């Protein structure tokens, strides 16, 4: 499984960005989502969505970010609104699944929010 993320960039505080991540491969992916890592900080969960549509959000993004998924295309989206400078990080998409469950990671896309 390979993951290709896109949509990062530079935006002013209060603005919006939409990240996309497409997974290639033929295995069933139950769980897809995003983590992020800011300089000097640990990687943290941003949001995840199951194939059934259940979602979980990190506390820092609740009410501002929305995760969605297109199962037929194995693609996950992250709509980020009301962005804050503290949202600046490298965002990594992941997908989990397979007969022997494991996580697959994309390369990461930079999101920078200026104040």
C-alpha atoms as a PDB file:
ATOM      1  CA  UNK A   1       0.000   0.000   0.000  1.00  0.00           C
ATOM      2  CA  UNK A   2       1.321   3.418  -0.944  1.00  0.00           C
ATOM      3  CA  UNK A   3      -0.119   6.686   0.279  1.00  0.00           C
ATOM      4  CA  UNK A   4       0.077   9.961  -1.609  1.00  0.00           C
ATOM      5  CA  UNK A   5      -0.799  13.106   0.306  1.00  0.00           C
ATOM      6  CA  UNK A   6      -1.413  16.569  -1.087  1.00  0.00           C
ATOM      7  CA  UNK A   7      -2.868  19.932  -0.134  1.00  0.00           C
ATOM      8  CA  UNK A   8      -0.415  21.362   2.364  1.00  0.00           C
ATOM      9  CA  UNK A   9       0.901  24.878   2.164  1.00  0.00           C
ATOM     10  CA  UNK A  10       1.111  28.282   3.777  1.00  0.00           C
ATOM     11  CA  UNK A  11      -2.005  30.025   5.046  1.00  0.00           C
ATOM     12  CA  UNK A  12      -2.787  32.910   7.366  1.00  0.00           C
ATOM     13  CA  UNK A  13      -4.357  32.361  10.753  1.00  0.00           C
ATOM     14  CA  UNK A  14      -8.094  31.947  10.415  1.00  0.00           C
ATOM     15  CA  UNK A  15      -7.785  30.471   6.954  1.00  0.00           C
ATOM     16  CA  UNK A  16      -8.551  27.020   5.611  1.00  0.00           C
ATOM     17  CA  UNK A  17      -6.763  24.184   3.877  1.00  0.00           C
ATOM     18  CA  UNK A  18      -7.884  20.796   2.632  1.00  0.00           C
ATOM     19  CA  UNK A  19      -5.566  17.814   2.703  1.00  0.00           C
ATOM     20  CA  UNK A  20      -6.097  14.722   0.596  1.00  0.00           C
ATOM     21  CA  UNK A  21      -4.497  11.299   0.815  1.00  0.00           C
ATOM     22  CA  UNK A  22      -5.019   8.527  -1.694  1.00  0.00           C
ATOM     23  CA  UNK A  23      -4.057   4.942  -0.954  1.00  0.00           C
ATOM     24  CA  UNK A  24      -3.113   2.523  -3.690  1.00  0.00           C
ATOM     25  CA  UNK A  25      -3.235  -1.234  -3.323  1.00  0.00           C
ATOM     26  CA  UNK A  26      -5.862  -3.919  -3.087  1.00  0.00           C
ATOM     27  CA  UNK A  27      -6.211  -4.601   0.620  1.00  0.00           C
ATOM     28  CA  UNK A  28      -9.136  -3.568   2.755  1.00  0.00           C
ATOM     29  CA  UNK A  29      -8.309  -0.464   4.742  1.00  0.00           C
ATOM     30  CA  UNK A  30     -10.459  -0.264   7.820  1.00  0.00           C
ATOM     31  CA  UNK A  31      -8.887   2.814   9.345  1.00  0.00           C
ATOM     32  CA  UNK A  32      -7.511   5.965   7.702  1.00  0.00           C
ATOM     33  CA  UNK A  33      -6.502   9.252   9.169  1.00  0.00           C
ATOM     34  CA  UNK A  34      -3.936  11.912   9.938  1.00  0.00           C
ATOM     35  CA  UNK A  35      -1.255  12.549  12.508  1.00  0.00           C
ATOM     36  CA  UNK A  36       0.895  15.643  12.760  1.00  0.00           C
ATOM     37  CA  UNK A  37       4.284  16.484  14.178  1.00  0.00           C
ATOM     38  CA  UNK A  38       5.505  19.955  15.021  1.00  0.00           C
ATOM     39  CA  UNK A  39       9.208  20.713  15.563  1.00  0.00           C
ATOM     40  CA  UNK A  40      10.327  19.488  18.971  1.00  0.00           C
ATOM     41  CA  UNK A  41       7.033  17.769  19.688  1.00  0.00           C
ATOM     42  CA  UNK A  42       5.746  14.233  19.560  1.00  0.00           C
ATOM     43  CA  UNK A  43       3.566  13.039  16.745  1.00  0.00           C
ATOM     44  CA  UNK A  44      -0.096  13.417  17.692  1.00  0.00           C
ATOM     45  CA  UNK A  45      -3.367  12.150  16.319  1.00  0.00           C
ATOM     46  CA  UNK A  46      -5.322  14.728  14.352  1.00  0.00           C
ATOM     47  CA  UNK A  47      -8.249  12.636  13.193  1.00  0.00           C
ATOM     48  CA  UNK A  48      -9.192   9.163  12.058  1.00  0.00           C
ATOM     49  CA  UNK A  49     -12.133   7.620  10.250  1.00  0.00           C
ATOM     50  CA  UNK A  50     -13.152   4.011   9.858  1.00  0.00           C
ATOM     51  CA  UNK A  51     -14.631   2.436   6.735  1.00  0.00           C
ATOM     52  CA  UNK A  52     -18.003   2.649   8.490  1.00  0.00           C
ATOM     53  CA  UNK A  53     -17.666   6.388   8.978  1.00  0.00           C
ATOM     54  CA  UNK A  54     -16.869   6.539  12.680  1.00  0.00           C
ATOM     55  CA  UNK A  55     -14.555   9.427  13.497  1.00  0.00           C
ATOM     56  CA  UNK A  56     -12.222  10.443  16.284  1.00  0.00           C
ATOM     57  CA  UNK A  57     -10.562  13.839  16.608  1.00  0.00           C
ATOM     58  CA  UNK A  58      -7.674  15.098  18.656  1.00  0.00           C
ATOM     59  CA  UNK A  59      -8.726  17.595  21.313  1.00  0.00           C
ATOM     60  CA  UNK A  60      -6.738  20.389  19.691  1.00  0.00           C
ATOM     61  CA  UNK A  61      -8.725  20.273  16.457  1.00  0.00           C
ATOM     62  CA  UNK A  62     -12.247  19.393  17.550  1.00  0.00           C
ATOM     63  CA  UNK A  63     -14.792  21.736  16.051  1.00  0.00           C
ATOM     64  CA  UNK A  64     -12.346  23.105  13.465  1.00  0.00           C
ATOM     65  CA  UNK A  65     -11.248  20.104  11.407  1.00  0.00           C
ATOM     66  CA  UNK A  66     -13.414  17.583   9.598  1.00  0.00           C
ATOM     67  CA  UNK A  67     -12.246  14.238   8.314  1.00  0.00           C
ATOM     68  CA  UNK A  68     -14.040  12.388   5.549  1.00  0.00           C
ATOM     69  CA  UNK A  69     -13.401   9.394   3.403  1.00  0.00           C
ATOM     70  CA  UNK A  70     -14.261   8.068  -0.033  1.00  0.00           C
ATOM     71  CA  UNK A  71     -14.139   4.294   0.389  1.00  0.00           C
ATOM     72  CA  UNK A  72     -14.450   3.487  -3.293  1.00  0.00           C
ATOM     73  CA  UNK A  73     -11.292   5.464  -3.982  1.00  0.00           C
ATOM     74  CA  UNK A  74      -9.459   4.694  -0.724  1.00  0.00           C
ATOM     75  CA  UNK A  75      -9.059   8.413  -0.218  1.00  0.00           C
ATOM     76  CA  UNK A  76      -9.221  10.370   3.000  1.00  0.00           C
ATOM     77  CA  UNK A  77      -9.683  14.125   3.301  1.00  0.00           C
ATOM     78  CA  UNK A  78      -9.002  16.586   6.076  1.00  0.00           C
ATOM     79  CA  UNK A  79     -10.804  19.909   5.919  1.00  0.00           C
ATOM     80  CA  UNK A  80      -9.032  22.351   8.217  1.00  0.00           C
ATOM     81  CA  UNK A  81     -10.827  25.557   9.117  1.00  0.00           C
ATOM     82  CA  UNK A  82     -10.032  28.379  11.533  1.00  0.00           C
ATOM     83  CA  UNK A  83      -6.375  27.484  11.367  1.00  0.00           C
ATOM     84  CA  UNK A  84      -4.069  28.656  14.130  1.00  0.00           C
ATOM     85  CA  UNK A  85      -0.291  29.105  14.189  1.00  0.00           C
ATOM     86  CA  UNK A  86      -0.113  26.131  16.560  1.00  0.00           C
ATOM     87  CA  UNK A  87      -1.504  23.943  13.778  1.00  0.00           C
ATOM     88  CA  UNK A  88       1.819  24.366  11.983  1.00  0.00           C
ATOM     89  CA  UNK A  89       3.298  20.903  11.541  1.00  0.00           C
ATOM     90  CA  UNK A  90       4.062  18.151   9.100  1.00  0.00           C
ATOM     91  CA  UNK A  91       0.855  16.211   8.546  1.00  0.00           C
ATOM     92  CA  UNK A  92       1.123  12.485   7.912  1.00  0.00           C
ATOM     93  CA  UNK A  93      -1.687  10.396   6.541  1.00  0.00           C
ATOM     94  CA  UNK A  94      -1.962   6.743   7.387  1.00  0.00           C
ATOM     95  CA  UNK A  95      -4.041   3.737   6.509  1.00  0.00           C
ATOM     96  CA  UNK A  96      -4.458   0.566   8.503  1.00  0.00           C
ATOM     97  CA  UNK A  97      -5.668  -2.815   7.394  1.00  0.00           C
ATOM     98  CA  UNK A  98      -4.746  -6.146   5.875  1.00  0.00           C
ATOM     99  CA  UNK A  99      -5.007  -9.763   6.998  1.00  0.00           C
ATOM    100  CA  UNK A 100      -2.147  -9.058   9.392  1.00  0.00           C
ATOM    101  CA  UNK A 101      -3.171  -5.561  10.455  1.00  0.00           C
ATOM    102  CA  UNK A 102      -0.551  -2.869  10.147  1.00  0.00           C
ATOM    103  CA  UNK A 103      -0.260   0.860   9.524  1.00  0.00           C
ATOM    104  CA  UNK A 104       0.991   2.350   6.303  1.00  0.00           C
ATOM    105  CA  UNK A 105       2.295   5.919   6.243  1.00  0.00           C
ATOM    106  CA  UNK A 106       2.464   8.660   3.676  1.00  0.00           C
ATOM    107  CA  UNK A 107       5.504  10.937   3.381  1.00  0.00           C
ATOM    108  CA  UNK A 108       3.996  13.945   5.080  1.00  0.00           C
ATOM    109  CA  UNK A 109       2.901  17.329   3.892  1.00  0.00           C
ATOM    110  CA  UNK A 110       3.885  20.643   5.478  1.00  0.00           C
ATOM    111  CA  UNK A 111       1.184  22.947   6.821  1.00  0.00           C
ATOM    112  CA  UNK A 112       2.340  26.378   7.943  1.00  0.00           C
ATOM    113  CA  UNK A 113      -0.027  28.878   9.546  1.00  0.00           C
ATOM    114  CA  UNK A 114       1.246  32.430   9.857  1.00  0.00           C
ATOM    115  CA  UNK A 115       0.001  34.821  12.528  1.00  0.00           C
END
